[in-house]
Protein backbone atom coordinates (compact mmCIF):
# COMPACT_ATOMS: atom_id res chain seq x y z
CA GLN A 1 5.66 -6.55 9.27
CA VAL A 2 4.40 -5.77 12.80
CA MET A 3 1.76 -3.39 11.45
CA THR A 4 0.57 -5.96 8.91
CA ALA A 5 0.31 -8.81 11.43
CA SER A 6 -1.13 -6.94 14.41
CA VAL A 7 -3.46 -4.41 12.77
CA THR A 8 -4.02 -4.94 9.05
CA ALA A 9 -4.58 -8.72 9.16
CA PRO A 10 -7.28 -8.70 11.90
CA LEU A 11 -9.17 -5.97 10.11
CA GLU A 12 -8.91 -7.74 6.76
CA ARG A 13 -10.30 -10.94 8.32
CA GLN A 14 -13.39 -9.07 9.48
CA PHE A 15 -13.81 -7.16 6.23
CA GLY A 16 -13.46 -10.35 4.21
CA GLN A 17 -16.72 -11.66 5.74
CA MET A 18 -18.80 -8.72 4.46
CA PRO A 19 -21.32 -9.56 1.71
CA GLY A 20 -21.02 -7.42 -1.39
CA LEU A 21 -17.26 -6.81 -1.03
CA ALA A 22 -15.76 -6.96 -4.51
CA LEU A 23 -12.11 -6.05 -3.86
CA MET A 24 -9.85 -5.36 -0.88
CA THR A 25 -6.29 -4.04 -1.03
CA SER A 26 -3.99 -2.72 1.68
CA VAL A 27 -0.75 -0.81 2.14
CA SER A 28 1.15 -0.96 5.45
CA SER A 29 4.35 0.96 6.10
CA GLY A 30 6.08 2.92 8.83
CA GLY A 31 3.38 2.49 11.48
CA ALA A 32 0.34 3.20 9.29
CA SER A 33 -2.04 1.15 7.21
CA ILE A 34 -4.50 2.07 4.46
CA ILE A 35 -7.13 -0.51 3.47
CA THR A 36 -9.18 0.18 0.36
CA LEU A 37 -12.55 -1.56 0.03
CA ARG A 38 -14.53 -1.74 -3.20
CA PHE A 39 -18.11 -2.97 -3.13
CA SER A 40 -20.51 -4.32 -5.70
CA LEU A 41 -22.41 -1.61 -7.57
CA LYS A 42 -25.62 -3.28 -6.41
CA LEU A 43 -24.85 -2.66 -2.75
CA PRO A 44 -26.07 0.73 -1.42
CA LEU A 45 -23.18 2.72 0.00
CA ASP A 46 -24.95 3.38 3.30
CA VAL A 47 -25.32 -0.38 3.80
CA ALA A 48 -21.64 -0.87 3.00
CA GLU A 49 -20.79 1.84 5.52
CA GLN A 50 -22.76 0.02 8.23
CA GLN A 51 -20.95 -3.21 7.43
CA VAL A 52 -17.55 -1.52 7.63
CA GLN A 53 -18.34 0.03 11.02
CA ALA A 54 -19.61 -3.31 12.31
CA ALA A 55 -16.45 -5.05 11.10
CA ILE A 56 -14.27 -2.43 12.82
CA ASN A 57 -16.21 -2.93 16.06
CA ALA A 58 -15.86 -6.71 15.78
CA SER A 59 -12.10 -6.46 15.28
CA ALA A 60 -11.52 -4.30 18.37
CA SER A 61 -10.66 -7.23 20.64
CA PHE A 62 -8.01 -8.43 18.16
CA LEU A 63 -6.19 -5.09 17.78
CA PRO A 64 -3.28 -3.84 19.94
CA THR A 65 -4.43 -2.06 23.07
CA ASP A 66 -1.89 0.74 22.62
CA LEU A 67 -3.28 2.14 19.35
CA PRO A 68 -3.27 5.94 19.77
CA MET A 69 -6.64 6.13 17.99
CA PRO A 70 -9.19 3.60 16.71
CA PRO A 71 -9.43 2.76 12.99
CA SER A 72 -11.38 5.33 10.98
CA TYR A 73 -12.85 5.31 7.49
CA SER A 74 -14.01 7.72 4.81
CA LYS A 75 -16.42 7.23 1.92
CA VAL A 76 -17.01 8.91 -1.41
CA ASN A 77 -20.27 10.37 -2.68
CA PRO A 78 -22.77 7.62 -3.63
CA ALA A 79 -22.78 9.03 -7.15
CA ASP A 80 -19.10 8.19 -7.46
CA ALA A 81 -17.51 4.76 -7.62
CA PRO A 82 -18.34 2.84 -4.40
CA ILE A 83 -14.97 2.90 -2.72
CA MET A 84 -14.09 3.49 0.91
CA THR A 85 -10.61 4.07 2.30
CA LEU A 86 -9.82 3.04 5.86
CA ALA A 87 -6.84 4.60 7.61
CA VAL A 88 -5.15 3.34 10.76
CA SER A 89 -2.26 4.94 12.61
CA ALA A 90 -0.23 2.78 14.97
CA GLU A 91 1.85 5.65 16.25
CA ASP A 92 1.83 9.41 16.29
CA MET A 93 3.60 11.04 13.36
CA PRO A 94 6.60 12.79 14.91
CA MET A 95 7.48 16.28 13.73
CA THR A 96 10.96 15.94 12.28
CA LEU A 97 11.60 19.61 11.48
CA SER A 98 12.45 22.38 13.91
CA SER A 99 11.11 25.94 13.71
CA ASP A 100 14.52 27.15 12.51
CA GLU A 101 14.55 24.56 9.72
CA VAL A 102 11.05 25.59 8.63
CA ASN A 103 12.15 29.23 8.50
CA ARG A 104 15.11 28.32 6.30
CA LEU A 105 12.90 26.34 3.92
CA ARG A 106 10.43 29.19 3.50
CA SER A 107 10.69 31.36 0.39
CA LEU A 108 10.99 35.13 0.45
CA HIS A 109 7.75 36.79 1.57
CA ASP A 110 6.04 33.43 2.07
CA ARG A 111 4.63 32.63 5.48
CA LEU A 112 4.90 29.22 7.06
CA ASP A 113 5.06 28.12 10.68
CA ILE A 114 5.70 24.86 12.43
CA LYS A 115 2.00 24.31 13.18
CA GLU A 116 1.00 24.44 9.52
CA VAL A 117 3.80 22.03 8.67
CA GLU A 118 2.52 19.69 11.37
CA ASP A 119 -1.13 20.04 10.35
CA ILE A 120 -0.76 19.92 6.56
CA TYR A 121 2.62 18.89 5.25
CA LEU A 122 3.59 16.19 7.77
CA PRO A 123 0.42 14.10 7.13
CA LEU A 124 0.88 14.64 3.40
CA SER A 125 4.46 13.39 3.59
CA ARG A 126 3.24 10.32 5.51
CA LEU A 127 0.65 9.58 2.82
CA LEU A 128 3.26 10.02 0.09
CA SER A 129 5.69 7.74 1.89
CA LEU A 130 2.99 5.04 1.88
CA TYR A 131 2.45 5.56 -1.84
CA VAL A 132 6.19 5.34 -2.44
CA ALA A 133 6.49 2.12 -0.43
CA ALA A 134 3.59 0.55 -2.34
CA THR A 135 5.08 1.57 -5.69
CA GLN A 136 8.47 0.15 -4.73
CA ARG A 137 6.89 -3.18 -3.76
CA LEU A 138 4.97 -3.29 -7.04
CA PHE A 139 8.16 -2.59 -8.98
CA ARG A 140 10.01 -5.39 -7.18
CA ALA A 141 7.11 -7.78 -7.82
CA GLN A 142 7.16 -6.87 -11.50
CA GLN A 143 10.93 -7.47 -11.64
CA SER A 144 10.43 -10.90 -10.11
CA PHE A 145 7.56 -11.76 -12.46
CA LEU A 146 9.45 -10.66 -15.58
CA ALA A 147 12.81 -11.96 -14.32
CA THR A 148 14.45 -8.61 -15.06
CA GLU A 149 17.05 -6.57 -13.23
CA ASP A 150 15.92 -3.07 -14.16
CA ALA A 151 17.41 -0.14 -12.30
CA LYS A 152 15.49 1.37 -9.40
CA MET A 153 12.57 3.47 -10.64
CA PRO A 154 12.24 6.78 -8.75
CA TYR A 155 8.86 8.04 -7.58
CA ILE A 156 8.28 11.46 -9.19
CA ILE A 157 6.10 14.16 -7.62
CA GLY A 158 5.05 17.23 -9.60
CA VAL A 159 4.33 20.56 -7.89
CA ALA A 160 2.47 23.14 -9.98
CA GLY A 161 0.81 26.52 -9.52
CA SER A 162 1.00 30.23 -10.29
CA VAL A 163 3.89 32.61 -9.87
CA ALA A 164 4.10 33.78 -6.21
CA VAL A 165 1.81 31.04 -4.86
CA GLY A 166 4.55 29.31 -2.82
CA LYS A 167 5.47 26.30 -4.95
CA SER A 168 9.13 26.43 -3.93
CA THR A 169 8.30 26.47 -0.22
CA THR A 170 5.95 23.50 -0.59
CA ALA A 171 8.50 21.55 -2.63
CA ARG A 172 11.34 22.17 -0.17
CA VAL A 173 9.22 21.29 2.87
CA LEU A 174 8.05 18.06 1.26
CA GLN A 175 11.62 17.20 0.33
CA ALA A 176 12.82 17.72 3.90
CA LEU A 177 9.96 15.72 5.44
CA LEU A 178 10.03 12.85 2.95
CA ALA A 179 13.78 12.41 3.35
CA ARG A 180 13.24 11.62 7.04
CA TRP A 181 10.86 8.72 6.58
CA THR A 182 12.70 5.41 6.86
CA ASN A 183 11.73 3.97 3.45
CA VAL A 184 12.76 6.99 1.31
CA PRO A 185 16.31 8.00 2.26
CA LYS A 186 17.14 9.97 -0.91
CA VAL A 187 14.88 12.78 -2.12
CA ASP A 188 16.01 15.21 -4.85
CA LEU A 189 14.36 18.42 -6.04
CA ILE A 190 14.63 20.23 -9.34
CA THR A 191 12.73 23.18 -10.80
CA THR A 192 11.80 23.52 -14.45
CA ASP A 193 13.39 27.00 -14.52
CA GLY A 194 16.62 25.37 -15.64
CA PHE A 195 14.87 24.14 -18.77
CA LEU A 196 13.85 27.63 -19.88
CA LEU A 197 15.40 28.63 -23.17
CA PRO A 198 18.37 31.01 -22.72
CA ASN A 199 17.50 34.72 -22.83
CA ALA A 200 19.42 35.09 -26.08
CA VAL A 201 17.12 32.56 -27.72
CA LEU A 202 14.00 34.09 -26.18
CA GLU A 203 15.01 37.54 -27.39
CA ARG A 204 15.74 36.26 -30.88
CA GLU A 205 12.37 34.52 -31.03
CA GLY A 206 10.49 37.48 -29.50
CA LEU A 207 9.52 35.45 -26.42
CA MET A 208 10.94 37.49 -23.51
CA GLU A 209 7.41 38.68 -22.68
CA LYS A 210 6.36 35.01 -22.73
CA LYS A 211 8.99 33.77 -20.30
CA GLY A 212 7.35 31.09 -18.19
CA PHE A 213 4.81 30.24 -20.89
CA PRO A 214 5.02 26.70 -22.31
CA GLU A 215 6.72 27.88 -25.51
CA SER A 216 9.61 29.39 -23.53
CA TYR A 217 10.89 25.98 -22.34
CA ASP A 218 13.24 23.50 -23.94
CA LEU A 219 10.58 20.80 -23.70
CA PRO A 220 12.58 18.04 -25.48
CA ALA A 221 15.43 18.49 -22.98
CA LEU A 222 13.03 18.34 -20.01
CA LEU A 223 11.33 15.20 -21.34
CA LEU A 224 14.70 13.55 -21.97
CA PHE A 225 15.81 14.39 -18.43
CA LEU A 226 12.66 12.87 -16.90
CA SER A 227 12.98 9.81 -19.14
CA ASP A 228 16.57 9.31 -17.96
CA VAL A 229 15.52 9.63 -14.33
CA LYS A 230 12.66 7.15 -14.69
CA ALA A 231 14.90 4.69 -16.54
CA GLY A 232 17.49 4.84 -13.76
CA ARG A 233 20.23 6.20 -16.01
CA ARG A 234 22.99 7.78 -13.97
CA PRO A 235 23.50 10.51 -13.58
CA ALA A 236 20.75 12.59 -15.20
CA ARG A 237 21.68 16.27 -15.52
CA ALA A 238 19.44 19.33 -15.23
CA PRO A 239 20.59 22.85 -16.18
CA ILE A 240 20.97 25.45 -13.43
CA TYR A 241 18.96 28.67 -13.53
CA SER A 242 20.03 31.91 -11.82
CA HIS A 243 17.26 34.18 -10.55
CA LEU A 244 19.90 36.87 -10.04
CA VAL A 245 20.79 37.16 -13.71
CA TYR A 246 17.38 35.84 -14.82
CA ASP A 247 18.91 33.29 -17.17
CA VAL A 248 20.10 29.73 -17.55
CA MET A 249 23.74 29.37 -16.49
CA PRO A 250 25.85 28.07 -19.40
CA ASN A 251 27.64 24.76 -18.81
CA GLN A 252 26.37 24.44 -15.24
CA TRP A 253 24.33 21.41 -14.16
CA VAL A 254 22.85 19.67 -11.18
CA GLU A 255 23.17 15.88 -11.24
CA VAL A 256 20.32 13.60 -10.19
CA ASP A 257 21.61 10.11 -9.42
CA ARG A 258 18.86 7.53 -8.90
CA PRO A 259 16.89 9.12 -6.04
CA ASP A 260 14.07 7.29 -4.30
CA ILE A 261 11.91 10.37 -4.90
CA LEU A 262 12.29 13.28 -7.29
CA ILE A 263 10.19 16.43 -6.80
CA VAL A 264 9.71 18.50 -9.98
CA GLU A 265 8.47 22.03 -9.35
CA GLY A 266 7.28 24.36 -12.11
CA LEU A 267 4.53 26.56 -13.50
CA ASN A 268 3.30 24.35 -16.32
CA VAL A 269 4.29 20.83 -15.31
CA LEU A 270 0.70 19.55 -15.49
CA GLN A 271 -0.02 20.91 -18.93
CA THR A 272 -0.88 18.64 -21.83
CA GLY A 273 -1.23 19.39 -25.52
CA ARG A 274 -3.43 18.42 -28.39
CA LEU A 275 -3.13 14.74 -29.19
CA PRO A 276 -2.31 13.76 -32.79
CA LYS A 277 -5.18 12.20 -34.72
CA ASP A 278 -3.00 9.34 -35.97
CA GLY A 279 -2.48 8.05 -32.43
CA SER A 280 1.30 8.52 -32.41
CA ALA A 281 2.98 8.75 -29.02
CA ILE A 282 3.32 12.31 -27.70
CA PRO A 283 4.78 12.40 -24.17
CA PHE A 284 3.87 15.10 -21.66
CA VAL A 285 5.83 16.11 -18.57
CA SER A 286 3.04 14.89 -16.31
CA ASP A 287 3.23 11.40 -17.87
CA PHE A 288 6.32 10.84 -15.73
CA PHE A 289 4.59 11.84 -12.47
CA ASP A 290 3.40 9.33 -9.91
CA PHE A 291 1.70 12.05 -7.86
CA SER A 292 1.00 15.74 -8.45
CA VAL A 293 0.21 18.74 -6.26
CA TYR A 294 -1.36 22.03 -7.38
CA ILE A 295 -0.98 25.08 -5.11
CA ASP A 296 -4.01 27.35 -5.53
CA ALA A 297 -5.11 30.82 -4.40
CA ASP A 298 -7.53 33.50 -5.58
CA GLU A 299 -6.28 35.81 -8.33
CA ASP A 300 -6.49 38.96 -6.21
CA VAL A 301 -4.46 37.24 -3.50
CA LEU A 302 -1.83 36.09 -5.98
CA LYS A 303 -1.52 39.60 -7.40
CA ALA A 304 -1.06 41.10 -3.92
CA TRP A 305 1.62 38.51 -3.09
CA TYR A 306 3.45 39.18 -6.35
CA VAL A 307 3.46 42.96 -5.83
CA ASP A 308 4.60 42.58 -2.21
CA ARG A 309 7.40 40.25 -3.26
CA PHE A 310 8.50 42.68 -5.98
CA LEU A 311 8.67 45.52 -3.43
CA THR A 312 10.74 43.35 -1.09
CA LEU A 313 13.14 42.33 -3.86
CA ARG A 314 13.52 45.97 -4.92
CA GLY A 315 15.24 46.64 -1.61
CA THR A 316 17.23 43.41 -1.50
CA ALA A 317 18.21 41.28 -4.52
CA PHE A 318 17.53 44.01 -7.09
CA ARG A 319 20.20 46.21 -5.45
CA ASP A 320 22.92 43.85 -6.63
CA PRO A 321 24.47 45.39 -9.78
CA LYS A 322 24.55 41.90 -11.30
CA SER A 323 20.79 41.57 -10.99
CA TYR A 324 18.81 41.53 -14.25
CA PHE A 325 16.26 43.72 -12.44
CA HIS A 326 18.79 46.17 -10.99
CA ARG A 327 17.09 48.98 -12.92
CA TYR A 328 14.07 48.65 -10.64
CA SER A 329 16.04 49.13 -7.40
CA SER A 330 15.74 52.93 -7.45
CA LEU A 331 11.95 53.02 -7.97
CA SER A 332 9.75 54.63 -5.34
CA ASP A 333 7.10 52.52 -3.60
CA ALA A 334 4.38 53.83 -5.91
CA GLU A 335 6.50 53.31 -9.03
CA ALA A 336 7.50 49.81 -7.95
CA ALA A 337 3.88 48.85 -7.22
CA THR A 338 2.78 50.17 -10.62
CA THR A 339 5.59 48.30 -12.39
CA ALA A 340 4.86 45.05 -10.57
CA THR A 341 1.13 45.34 -11.31
CA SER A 342 1.88 45.88 -14.98
CA ILE A 343 4.16 42.83 -15.15
CA TRP A 344 1.57 40.74 -13.33
CA GLU A 345 -1.32 41.71 -15.59
CA ARG A 346 0.67 41.66 -18.83
CA ILE A 347 2.51 38.37 -18.31
CA ASN A 348 1.78 36.33 -15.20
CA LEU A 349 -2.00 36.70 -15.15
CA VAL A 350 -2.22 35.79 -18.84
CA ASN A 351 -0.07 32.72 -18.26
CA LEU A 352 -2.25 31.76 -15.30
CA HIS A 353 -5.46 32.00 -17.32
CA GLU A 354 -4.19 30.37 -20.49
CA ASN A 355 -1.83 27.67 -19.24
CA ILE A 356 -1.66 27.12 -15.49
CA LEU A 357 -5.16 27.29 -14.04
CA PRO A 358 -6.68 24.95 -16.66
CA THR A 359 -4.41 22.17 -15.32
CA ARG A 360 -5.60 22.45 -11.72
CA GLN A 361 -8.11 19.60 -11.90
CA ARG A 362 -5.47 17.26 -13.28
CA ALA A 363 -3.62 17.29 -9.95
CA ASP A 364 -3.92 14.47 -7.43
CA LEU A 365 -3.92 17.01 -4.61
CA ILE A 366 -4.98 20.67 -4.51
CA LEU A 367 -3.81 22.90 -1.65
CA ASN A 368 -5.88 26.08 -1.51
CA LYS A 369 -4.29 29.02 0.31
CA GLY A 370 -5.98 32.02 1.87
CA GLY A 371 -4.76 35.59 1.96
CA ASN A 372 -2.62 34.86 5.03
CA HIS A 373 -0.60 32.26 3.03
CA ARG A 374 -2.01 29.40 5.11
CA VAL A 375 -3.52 26.32 3.49
CA GLU A 376 -7.25 26.53 4.16
CA LYS A 377 -8.56 23.65 2.04
CA VAL A 378 -7.11 20.33 0.93
CA ALA A 379 -8.68 18.35 -1.92
CA LEU A 380 -7.30 14.84 -2.53
CA ARG A 381 -8.32 12.85 -5.59
CA LYS A 382 -9.66 9.52 -4.37
CA LEU A 383 -9.49 7.65 -7.65
């Protein structure tokens, strides 16, 4: 309320006087405001940009004097739809995780420090919290308009990317950060590993070498789970997967009970299929997502990370006699590297080329990592 009255409203009054403005919307929550301006196609974007800057300057005397930074704006390429997004921060975004917590959230052989969390993941969590708040308001408005009492509809975030790229780390960090914003107290996380077909089924169907490929999942069960979550049915249950025994655990479940946000992490969560010619409804996993993230890295980098992780596991988890991969624990360094390279090229690289990488451009956000595991480039879909 304070943000809307003291910052958003004065800016909107100035923007509303601009000729050529076709549409103006705003979202204010938790000390930040995003104002989206859409102009007439006849108005050159550089002229619109000048008008926006002039309106910001004119509003300066009406804004709080304690703003940590002045309003800023960004624009899209003139060849794209003429939309500009203006972002205002009324307070610094506090880091809510400690270095020890970041270390605990990091996956094996992944690298992540508090500075990267502060530079990349904290602003992303702030943006997502704004999206969640806006979606919740829209849902309440729809309830009021339709005079319904539907159950709370969770905001679902998909996290996709190759084996060894760091999806699990990203998902856990986002979960921890989002849970500490005031408007999203309950954030759950599930991985699609639990919806893999049991090894016995994969072996019977000759799919063990295709584990992680789309055909190795119980897709109807995953779609039913996501449908239950979106519909607010309680509780929705997801099977538990054990990386130690490399299989789904029979009769073991994790319950998801109406969270504000659900993060779904998996290799192929953005994949679609061929649509039927008769127009019948065919749901895809990504149809249930409100926002999606793709973690990206060069193939050579991914291969190196996979081999390094395999060598680390050989001396740790693989030593457990219960481990499915216990047979690899006695390999020499050279033998382990050769085995890991073979698995990568025979299975994971094929899956990347055929199923995972083609979905990259469907994501709302792409985080591109360099060889040092740090995010070097962030691409956010504007429309």
